[in-house]
Amino acid sequence: MSVISVRVPKNLKERMGRVQEDWADYIRRMIERRIKEHEMIEASRTIDEIRMKTREGVYDAAKSIREDRNRA
């Protein structure tokens, strides 16, 4: 596991101490949630791009497959 350090103002750190929370776990979950949201947005954009091509009737499945294989 990697380590990430975060600096917070002293008064915020004091306020965090008054809340019963495993802050490392909380931050880890929030980072994971944000990454999943970002990945879903990217996937949605890709799907929308493909959908736009198919509506116009110019979608070339073979071309898309070649592009995917070239990326790998």
PDB file of N, CA and C in Angstrom:
ATOM      1  N   MET A   1       0.847  -1.176   0.000  1.00  0.00           N
ATOM      2  CA  MET A   1       0.000   0.000   0.000  1.00  0.00           C
ATOM      3  C   MET A   1       0.893   1.239   0.000  1.00  0.00           C
ATOM      4  N   SER A   2       0.492   2.263  -0.719  1.00  0.00           N
ATOM      5  CA  SER A   2       1.245   3.516  -0.788  1.00  0.00           C
ATOM      6  C   SER A   2       0.782   4.464   0.307  1.00  0.00           C
ATOM      7  N   VAL A   3       1.644   5.428   0.608  1.00  0.00           N
ATOM      8  CA  VAL A   3       1.329   6.422   1.634  1.00  0.00           C
ATOM      9  C   VAL A   3       1.162   7.776   0.969  1.00  0.00           C
ATOM     10  N   ILE A   4       0.096   8.477   1.357  1.00  0.00           N
ATOM     11  CA  ILE A   4      -0.152   9.839   0.889  1.00  0.00           C
ATOM     12  C   ILE A   4      -0.307  10.705   2.129  1.00  0.00           C
ATOM     13  N   SER A   5       0.373  11.838   2.141  1.00  0.00           N
ATOM     14  CA  SER A   5       0.261  12.764   3.262  1.00  0.00           C
ATOM     15  C   SER A   5      -0.618  13.939   2.862  1.00  0.00           C
ATOM     16  N   VAL A   6      -1.412  14.400   3.813  1.00  0.00           N
ATOM     17  CA  VAL A   6      -2.296  15.532   3.571  1.00  0.00           C
ATOM     18  C   VAL A   6      -2.080  16.543   4.689  1.00  0.00           C
ATOM     19  N   ARG A   7      -1.881  17.783   4.310  1.00  0.00           N
ATOM     20  CA  ARG A   7      -1.741  18.839   5.305  1.00  0.00           C
ATOM     21  C   ARG A   7      -3.082  19.528   5.491  1.00  0.00           C
ATOM     22  N   VAL A   8      -3.453  19.710   6.760  1.00  0.00           N
ATOM     23  CA  VAL A   8      -4.684  20.421   7.086  1.00  0.00           C
ATOM     24  C   VAL A   8      -4.348  21.491   8.115  1.00  0.00           C
ATOM     25  N   PRO A   9      -5.107  22.575   8.127  1.00  0.00           N
ATOM     26  CA  PRO A   9      -4.863  23.603   9.130  1.00  0.00           C
ATOM     27  C   PRO A   9      -5.013  23.044  10.551  1.00  0.00           C
ATOM     28  N   LYS A  10      -4.311  23.632  11.482  1.00  0.00           N
ATOM     29  CA  LYS A  10      -4.301  23.145  12.855  1.00  0.00           C
ATOM     30  C   LYS A  10      -5.711  23.109  13.449  1.00  0.00           C
ATOM     31  N   ASN A  11      -6.496  24.169  13.194  1.00  0.00           N
ATOM     32  CA  ASN A  11      -7.852  24.187  13.764  1.00  0.00           C
ATOM     33  C   ASN A  11      -8.724  23.073  13.180  1.00  0.00           C
ATOM     34  N   LEU A  12      -8.514  22.721  11.913  1.00  0.00           N
ATOM     35  CA  LEU A  12      -9.257  21.617  11.313  1.00  0.00           C
ATOM     36  C   LEU A  12      -8.848  20.297  11.955  1.00  0.00           C
ATOM     37  N   LYS A  13      -7.580  20.110  12.193  1.00  0.00           N
ATOM     38  CA  LYS A  13      -7.081  18.897  12.852  1.00  0.00           C
ATOM     39  C   LYS A  13      -7.703  18.759  14.240  1.00  0.00           C
ATOM     40  N   GLU A  14      -7.805  19.873  14.961  1.00  0.00           N
ATOM     41  CA  GLU A  14      -8.419  19.835  16.291  1.00  0.00           C
ATOM     42  C   GLU A  14      -9.894  19.442  16.184  1.00  0.00           C
ATOM     43  N   ARG A  15     -10.589  20.001  15.218  1.00  0.00           N
ATOM     44  CA  ARG A  15     -11.998  19.666  15.021  1.00  0.00           C
ATOM     45  C   ARG A  15     -12.162  18.212  14.605  1.00  0.00           C
ATOM     46  N   MET A  16     -11.229  17.698  13.792  1.00  0.00           N
ATOM     47  CA  MET A  16     -11.282  16.295  13.388  1.00  0.00           C
ATOM     48  C   MET A  16     -11.151  15.386  14.608  1.00  0.00           C
ATOM     49  N   GLY A  17     -10.353  15.813  15.585  1.00  0.00           N
ATOM     50  CA  GLY A  17     -10.162  15.018  16.796  1.00  0.00           C
ATOM     51  C   GLY A  17     -11.436  14.866  17.610  1.00  0.00           C
ATOM     52  N   ARG A  18     -12.374  15.791  17.463  1.00  0.00           N
ATOM     53  CA  ARG A  18     -13.638  15.725  18.198  1.00  0.00           C
ATOM     54  C   ARG A  18     -14.650  14.786  17.555  1.00  0.00           C
ATOM     55  N   VAL A  19     -14.351  14.348  16.342  1.00  0.00           N
ATOM     56  CA  VAL A  19     -15.261  13.451  15.621  1.00  0.00           C
ATOM     57  C   VAL A  19     -14.680  12.050  15.663  1.00  0.00           C
ATOM     58  N   GLN A  20     -15.501  11.097  16.095  1.00  0.00           N
ATOM     59  CA  GLN A  20     -15.031   9.711  16.120  1.00  0.00           C
ATOM     60  C   GLN A  20     -15.113   9.143  14.704  1.00  0.00           C
ATOM     61  N   GLU A  21     -13.975   9.131  14.054  1.00  0.00           N
ATOM     62  CA  GLU A  21     -13.898   8.658  12.670  1.00  0.00           C
ATOM     63  C   GLU A  21     -12.495   8.136  12.424  1.00  0.00           C
ATOM     64  N   ASP A  22     -12.397   7.044  11.692  1.00  0.00           N
ATOM     65  CA  ASP A  22     -11.095   6.568  11.224  1.00  0.00           C
ATOM     66  C   ASP A  22     -10.809   7.358   9.956  1.00  0.00           C
ATOM     67  N   TRP A  23     -10.103   8.480  10.114  1.00  0.00           N
ATOM     68  CA  TRP A  23      -9.931   9.421   9.010  1.00  0.00           C
ATOM     69  C   TRP A  23      -9.182   8.811   7.838  1.00  0.00           C
ATOM     70  N   ALA A  24      -8.215   7.960   8.100  1.00  0.00           N
ATOM     71  CA  ALA A  24      -7.484   7.316   7.004  1.00  0.00           C
ATOM     72  C   ALA A  24      -8.444   6.463   6.172  1.00  0.00           C
ATOM     73  N   ASP A  25      -9.291   5.694   6.851  1.00  0.00           N
ATOM     74  CA  ASP A  25     -10.251   4.852   6.144  1.00  0.00           C
ATOM     75  C   ASP A  25     -11.276   5.707   5.411  1.00  0.00           C
ATOM     76  N   TYR A  26     -11.737   6.770   6.043  1.00  0.00           N
ATOM     77  CA  TYR A  26     -12.711   7.668   5.427  1.00  0.00           C
ATOM     78  C   TYR A  26     -12.148   8.281   4.143  1.00  0.00           C
ATOM     79  N   ILE A  27     -10.943   8.792   4.223  1.00  0.00           N
ATOM     80  CA  ILE A  27     -10.317   9.417   3.051  1.00  0.00           C
ATOM     81  C   ILE A  27     -10.096   8.378   1.952  1.00  0.00           C
ATOM     82  N   ARG A  28      -9.682   7.182   2.337  1.00  0.00           N
ATOM     83  CA  ARG A  28      -9.491   6.096   1.373  1.00  0.00           C
ATOM     84  C   ARG A  28     -10.796   5.803   0.630  1.00  0.00           C
ATOM     85  N   ARG A  29     -11.907   5.714   1.374  1.00  0.00           N
ATOM     86  CA  ARG A  29     -13.212   5.442   0.751  1.00  0.00           C
ATOM     87  C   ARG A  29     -13.628   6.577  -0.178  1.00  0.00           C
ATOM     88  N   MET A  30     -13.381   7.821   0.224  1.00  0.00           N
ATOM     89  CA  MET A  30     -13.762   8.961  -0.604  1.00  0.00           C
ATOM     90  C   MET A  30     -12.937   9.011  -1.891  1.00  0.00           C
ATOM     91  N   ILE A  31     -11.659   8.691  -1.793  1.00  0.00           N
ATOM     92  CA  ILE A  31     -10.814   8.646  -2.993  1.00  0.00           C
ATOM     93  C   ILE A  31     -11.322   7.563  -3.939  1.00  0.00           C
ATOM     94  N   GLU A  32     -11.622   6.397  -3.389  1.00  0.00           N
ATOM     95  CA  GLU A  32     -12.136   5.290  -4.205  1.00  0.00           C
ATOM     96  C   GLU A  32     -13.455   5.685  -4.874  1.00  0.00           C
ATOM     97  N   ARG A  33     -14.341   6.333  -4.129  1.00  0.00           N
ATOM     98  CA  ARG A  33     -15.629   6.762  -4.679  1.00  0.00           C
ATOM     99  C   ARG A  33     -15.424   7.750  -5.828  1.00  0.00           C
ATOM    100  N   ARG A  34     -14.521   8.700  -5.634  1.00  0.00           N
ATOM    101  CA  ARG A  34     -14.274   9.714  -6.666  1.00  0.00           C
ATOM    102  C   ARG A  34     -13.694   9.095  -7.927  1.00  0.00           C
ATOM    103  N   ILE A  35     -12.794   8.134  -7.764  1.00  0.00           N
ATOM    104  CA  ILE A  35     -12.206   7.451  -8.920  1.00  0.00           C
ATOM    105  C   ILE A  35     -13.283   6.679  -9.680  1.00  0.00           C
ATOM    106  N   LYS A  36     -14.158   5.987  -8.956  1.00  0.00           N
ATOM    107  CA  LYS A  36     -15.248   5.253  -9.614  1.00  0.00           C
ATOM    108  C   LYS A  36     -16.162   6.200 -10.380  1.00  0.00           C
ATOM    109  N   GLU A  37     -16.478   7.353  -9.773  1.00  0.00           N
ATOM    110  CA  GLU A  37     -17.307   8.340 -10.461  1.00  0.00           C
ATOM    111  C   GLU A  37     -16.636   8.794 -11.759  1.00  0.00           C
ATOM    112  N   HIS A  38     -15.345   9.076 -11.675  1.00  0.00           N
ATOM    113  CA  HIS A  38     -14.604   9.535 -12.858  1.00  0.00           C
ATOM    114  C   HIS A  38     -14.609   8.466 -13.941  1.00  0.00           C
ATOM    115  N   GLU A  39     -14.373   7.209 -13.558  1.00  0.00           N
ATOM    116  CA  GLU A  39     -14.360   6.120 -14.534  1.00  0.00           C
ATOM    117  C   GLU A  39     -15.732   5.937 -15.181  1.00  0.00           C
ATOM    118  N   MET A  40     -16.787   6.115 -14.399  1.00  0.00           N
ATOM    119  CA  MET A  40     -18.135   5.978 -14.948  1.00  0.00           C
ATOM    120  C   MET A  40     -18.434   7.108 -15.931  1.00  0.00           C
ATOM    121  N   ILE A  41     -17.972   8.305 -15.629  1.00  0.00           N
ATOM    122  CA  ILE A  41     -18.172   9.431 -16.545  1.00  0.00           C
ATOM    123  C   ILE A  41     -17.427   9.185 -17.846  1.00  0.00           C
ATOM    124  N   GLU A  42     -16.182   8.702 -17.747  1.00  0.00           N
ATOM    125  CA  GLU A  42     -15.409   8.394 -18.965  1.00  0.00           C
ATOM    126  C   GLU A  42     -16.104   7.321 -19.796  1.00  0.00           C
ATOM    127  N   ALA A  43     -16.590   6.266 -19.131  1.00  0.00           N
ATOM    128  CA  ALA A  43     -17.275   5.182 -19.839  1.00  0.00           C
ATOM    129  C   ALA A  43     -18.545   5.709 -20.507  1.00  0.00           C
ATOM    130  N   SER A  44     -19.248   6.571 -19.812  1.00  0.00           N
ATOM    131  CA  SER A  44     -20.470   7.152 -20.373  1.00  0.00           C
ATOM    132  C   SER A  44     -20.162   7.977 -21.613  1.00  0.00           C
ATOM    133  N   ARG A  45     -19.090   8.740 -21.571  1.00  0.00           N
ATOM    134  CA  ARG A  45     -18.705   9.548 -22.743  1.00  0.00           C
ATOM    135  C   ARG A  45     -18.354   8.649 -23.922  1.00  0.00           C
ATOM    136  N   THR A  46     -17.633   7.573 -23.638  1.00  0.00           N
ATOM    137  CA  THR A  46     -17.269   6.636 -24.706  1.00  0.00           C
ATOM    138  C   THR A  46     -18.520   6.018 -25.316  1.00  0.00           C
ATOM    139  N   ILE A  47     -19.446   5.612 -24.471  1.00  0.00           N
ATOM    140  CA  ILE A  47     -20.697   5.036 -24.961  1.00  0.00           C
ATOM    141  C   ILE A  47     -21.460   6.055 -25.799  1.00  0.00           C
ATOM    142  N   ASP A  48     -21.499   7.303 -25.328  1.00  0.00           N
ATOM    143  CA  ASP A  48     -22.191   8.354 -26.090  1.00  0.00           C
ATOM    144  C   ASP A  48     -21.545   8.563 -27.457  1.00  0.00           C
ATOM    145  N   GLU A  49     -20.211   8.528 -27.515  1.00  0.00           N
ATOM    146  CA  GLU A  49     -19.516   8.689 -28.799  1.00  0.00           C
ATOM    147  C   GLU A  49     -19.890   7.563 -29.755  1.00  0.00           C
ATOM    148  N   ILE A  50     -19.913   6.350 -29.245  1.00  0.00           N
ATOM    149  CA  ILE A  50     -20.275   5.198 -30.081  1.00  0.00           C
ATOM    150  C   ILE A  50     -21.730   5.318 -30.520  1.00  0.00           C
ATOM    151  N   ARG A  51     -22.585   5.718 -29.603  1.00  0.00           N
ATOM    152  CA  ARG A  51     -24.007   5.859 -29.908  1.00  0.00           C
ATOM    153  C   ARG A  51     -24.225   6.900 -31.004  1.00  0.00           C
ATOM    154  N   MET A  52     -23.472   7.996 -30.938  1.00  0.00           N
ATOM    155  CA  MET A  52     -23.610   9.038 -31.969  1.00  0.00           C
ATOM    156  C   MET A  52     -23.196   8.495 -33.341  1.00  0.00           C
ATOM    157  N   LYS A  53     -22.159   7.688 -33.379  1.00  0.00           N
ATOM    158  CA  LYS A  53     -21.716   7.116 -34.647  1.00  0.00           C
ATOM    159  C   LYS A  53     -22.763   6.166 -35.216  1.00  0.00           C
ATOM    160  N   THR A  54     -23.394   5.379 -34.372  1.00  0.00           N
ATOM    161  CA  THR A  54     -24.362   4.398 -34.863  1.00  0.00           C
ATOM    162  C   THR A  54     -25.639   5.070 -35.323  1.00  0.00           C
ATOM    163  N   ARG A  55     -26.012   6.187 -34.714  1.00  0.00           N
ATOM    164  CA  ARG A  55     -27.216   6.908 -35.145  1.00  0.00           C
ATOM    165  C   ARG A  55     -27.055   7.427 -36.567  1.00  0.00           C
ATOM    166  N   GLU A  56     -25.847   7.811 -36.903  1.00  0.00           N
ATOM    167  CA  GLU A  56     -25.583   8.356 -38.227  1.00  0.00           C
ATOM    168  C   GLU A  56     -25.388   7.248 -39.262  1.00  0.00           C
ATOM    169  N   GLY A  57     -25.274   6.035 -38.799  1.00  0.00           N
ATOM    170  CA  GLY A  57     -25.104   4.917 -39.710  1.00  0.00           C
ATOM    171  C   GLY A  57     -23.691   4.783 -40.251  1.00  0.00           C
ATOM    172  N   VAL A  58     -22.699   5.379 -39.588  1.00  0.00           N
ATOM    173  CA  VAL A  58     -21.329   5.300 -40.078  1.00  0.00           C
ATOM    174  C   VAL A  58     -20.427   4.517 -39.126  1.00  0.00           C
ATOM    175  N   TYR A  59     -21.010   3.775 -38.207  1.00  0.00           N
ATOM    176  CA  TYR A  59     -20.199   3.008 -37.261  1.00  0.00           C
ATOM    177  C   TYR A  59     -19.540   1.833 -37.964  1.00  0.00           C
ATOM    178  N   ASP A  60     -18.245   1.719 -37.785  1.00  0.00           N
ATOM    179  CA  ASP A  60     -17.465   0.648 -38.388  1.00  0.00           C
ATOM    180  C   ASP A  60     -16.891  -0.203 -37.259  1.00  0.00           C
ATOM    181  N   ALA A  61     -17.518  -1.340 -36.993  1.00  0.00           N
ATOM    182  CA  ALA A  61     -17.106  -2.197 -35.886  1.00  0.00           C
ATOM    183  C   ALA A  61     -15.668  -2.675 -36.062  1.00  0.00           C
ATOM    184  N   ALA A  62     -15.295  -3.045 -37.264  1.00  0.00           N
ATOM    185  CA  ALA A  62     -13.936  -3.532 -37.508  1.00  0.00           C
ATOM    186  C   ALA A  62     -12.916  -2.437 -37.182  1.00  0.00           C
ATOM    187  N   LYS A  63     -13.215  -1.214 -37.558  1.00  0.00           N
ATOM    188  CA  LYS A  63     -12.312  -0.094 -37.269  1.00  0.00           C
ATOM    189  C   LYS A  63     -12.161   0.104 -35.760  1.00  0.00           C
ATOM    190  N   SER A  64     -13.269   0.019 -35.034  1.00  0.00           N
ATOM    191  CA  SER A  64     -13.223   0.175 -33.579  1.00  0.00           C
ATOM    192  C   SER A  64     -12.401  -0.929 -32.931  1.00  0.00           C
ATOM    193  N   ILE A  65     -12.564  -2.133 -33.420  1.00  0.00           N
ATOM    194  CA  ILE A  65     -11.802  -3.264 -32.874  1.00  0.00           C
ATOM    195  C   ILE A  65     -10.315  -3.063 -33.124  1.00  0.00           C
ATOM    196  N   ARG A  66      -9.953  -2.637 -34.337  1.00  0.00           N
ATOM    197  CA  ARG A  66      -8.550  -2.375 -34.640  1.00  0.00           C
ATOM    198  C   ARG A  66      -7.982  -1.275 -33.730  1.00  0.00           C
ATOM    199  N   GLU A  67      -8.770  -0.210 -33.523  1.00  0.00           N
ATOM    200  CA  GLU A  67      -8.310   0.877 -32.654  1.00  0.00           C
ATOM    201  C   GLU A  67      -8.072   0.360 -31.236  1.00  0.00           C
ATOM    202  N   ASP A  68      -8.992  -0.459 -30.732  1.00  0.00           N
ATOM    203  CA  ASP A  68      -8.829  -1.016 -29.390  1.00  0.00           C
ATOM    204  C   ASP A  68      -7.588  -1.908 -29.301  1.00  0.00           C
ATOM    205  N   ARG A  69      -7.378  -2.717 -30.320  1.00  0.00           N
ATOM    206  CA  ARG A  69      -6.223  -3.616 -30.309  1.00  0.00           C
ATOM    207  C   ARG A  69      -4.907  -2.822 -30.410  1.00  0.00           C
ATOM    208  N   ASN A  70      -4.911  -1.731 -31.138  1.00  0.00           N
ATOM    209  CA  ASN A  70      -3.713  -0.911 -31.262  1.00  0.00           C
ATOM    210  C   ASN A  70      -3.363  -0.198 -29.960  1.00  0.00           C
ATOM    211  N   ARG A  71      -4.382   0.085 -29.128  1.00  0.00           N
ATOM    212  CA  ARG A  71      -4.135   0.744 -27.847  1.00  0.00           C
ATOM    213  C   ARG A  71      -3.439  -0.184 -26.860  1.00  0.00           C
ATOM    214  N   ALA A  72      -3.679  -1.465 -26.989  1.00  0.00           N
ATOM    215  CA  ALA A  72      -3.140  -2.437 -26.015  1.00  0.00           C
ATOM    216  C   ALA A  72      -1.672  -2.680 -26.201  1.00  0.00           C
TER     217      ALA A  72
END
